[in-house]
C-alpha atoms as a PDB file:
ATOM      1  CA  MET A   1       0.003  -0.210  -0.005  1.00  0.00           C
ATOM      2  CA  LYS A   2       1.468   3.502  -0.913  1.00  0.00           C
ATOM      3  CA  SER A   3       1.345   6.093   1.596  1.00  0.00           C
ATOM      4  CA  ASN A   4      -0.738   9.234   0.820  1.00  0.00           C
ATOM      5  CA  ASN A   5       1.015  12.287   1.833  1.00  0.00           C
ATOM      6  CA  ARG A   6      -1.840  14.592   0.994  1.00  0.00           C
ATOM      7  CA  ARG A   7      -2.716  17.054   3.560  1.00  0.00           C
ATOM      8  CA  LEU A   8      -6.624  18.083   4.040  1.00  0.00           C
ATOM      9  CA  LEU A   9      -7.362  21.473   5.533  1.00  0.00           C
ATOM     10  CA  TYR A  10     -10.592  22.297   6.783  1.00  0.00           C
ATOM     11  CA  LEU A  11     -11.562  25.910   7.470  1.00  0.00           C
ATOM     12  CA  PHE A  12     -14.521  26.892   9.571  1.00  0.00           C
ATOM     13  CA  ILE A  13     -16.421  30.040  10.471  1.00  0.00           C
ATOM     14  CA  LEU A  14     -17.083  30.340  14.187  1.00  0.00           C
ATOM     15  CA  SER A  15     -20.241  32.360  15.151  1.00  0.00           C
ATOM     16  CA  ARG A  16     -21.455  33.143  18.522  1.00  0.00           C
ATOM     17  CA  LYS A  17     -25.264  32.891  19.159  1.00  0.00           C
ATOM     18  CA  GLU A  18     -27.415  34.746  21.579  1.00  0.00           C
ATOM     19  CA  ASN A  19     -27.637  31.929  24.107  1.00  0.00           C
ATOM     20  CA  HIS A  20     -23.674  31.850  24.411  1.00  0.00           C
ATOM     21  CA  TYR A  21     -23.234  28.780  22.219  1.00  0.00           C
ATOM     22  CA  THR A  22     -20.761  28.736  18.905  1.00  0.00           C
ATOM     23  CA  THR A  23     -21.609  27.253  15.801  1.00  0.00           C
ATOM     24  CA  TYR A  24     -19.148  26.163  13.065  1.00  0.00           C
ATOM     25  CA  SER A  25     -20.012  26.492   9.403  1.00  0.00           C
ATOM     26  CA  SER A  26     -17.667  25.495   6.457  1.00  0.00           C
ATOM     27  CA  LEU A  27     -15.817  28.171   4.718  1.00  0.00           C
ATOM     28  CA  SER A  28     -15.513  26.471   1.527  1.00  0.00           C
ATOM     29  CA  HIS A  29     -19.255  24.965   1.566  1.00  0.00           C
ATOM     30  CA  PRO A  30     -21.482  27.796   2.707  1.00  0.00           C
ATOM     31  CA  GLY A  31     -24.798  26.399   4.467  1.00  0.00           C
ATOM     32  CA  ASN A  32     -22.920  23.216   5.941  1.00  0.00           C
ATOM     33  CA  TYR A  33     -22.472  22.949   9.716  1.00  0.00           C
ATOM     34  CA  LEU A  34     -20.212  20.899  11.980  1.00  0.00           C
ATOM     35  CA  ALA A  35     -22.626  18.877  14.078  1.00  0.00           C
ATOM     36  CA  LEU A  36     -22.617  15.540  16.443  1.00  0.00           C
ATOM     37  CA  SER A  37     -25.214  13.213  16.895  1.00  0.00           C
ATOM     38  CA  HIS A  38     -26.459  12.120  20.405  1.00  0.00           C
ATOM     39  CA  ARG A  39     -23.948   9.165  20.104  1.00  0.00           C
ATOM     40  CA  GLY A  40     -20.826  11.428  19.212  1.00  0.00           C
ATOM     41  CA  GLN A  41     -20.760  10.802  15.465  1.00  0.00           C
ATOM     42  CA  LEU A  42     -20.452  13.522  12.965  1.00  0.00           C
ATOM     43  CA  ARG A  43     -23.861  14.593  11.213  1.00  0.00           C
ATOM     44  CA  ARG A  44     -23.929  15.282   7.501  1.00  0.00           C
ATOM     45  CA  GLY A  45     -23.527  19.044   7.198  1.00  0.00           C
ATOM     46  CA  ASN A  46     -26.211  19.389   4.619  1.00  0.00           C
ATOM     47  CA  SER A  47     -29.040  18.039   6.833  1.00  0.00           C
ATOM     48  CA  VAL A  48     -27.940  20.503   9.777  1.00  0.00           C
ATOM     49  CA  GLY A  49     -29.289  24.006  10.282  1.00  0.00           C
ATOM     50  CA  PRO A  50     -27.509  26.745  12.547  1.00  0.00           C
ATOM     51  CA  ASN A  51     -30.434  26.482  14.938  1.00  0.00           C
ATOM     52  CA  GLN A  52     -30.398  22.817  15.686  1.00  0.00           C
ATOM     53  CA  SER A  53     -29.146  21.814  19.168  1.00  0.00           C
ATOM     54  CA  CYS A  54     -26.901  19.113  17.576  1.00  0.00           C
ATOM     55  CA  ALA A  55     -24.807  22.095  16.244  1.00  0.00           C
ATOM     56  CA  HIS A  56     -24.467  24.099  19.184  1.00  0.00           C
ATOM     57  CA  PHE A  57     -21.250  23.775  21.059  1.00  0.00           C
ATOM     58  CA  LEU A  58     -20.014  25.507  24.413  1.00  0.00           C
ATOM     59  CA  PRO A  59     -16.941  27.707  24.286  1.00  0.00           C
ATOM     60  CA  ARG A  60     -14.017  26.530  25.852  1.00  0.00           C
ATOM     61  CA  ARG A  61     -12.361  28.604  28.588  1.00  0.00           C
ATOM     62  CA  THR A  62      -8.898  29.548  28.233  1.00  0.00           C
END
């Protein structure tokens, strides 16, 4: 098997909501959001909206 040295780079736009949650939307594919299911698996970006709870993440304290 050949090793694949390609690097994948994903860019997301972070936006803060009124309820202090953050959402991540794709820069290369507008309208697609990063979301997790209740089992911790990634959900398809085209079936997730910005107002769904699966796309809301709490900000991390630094």
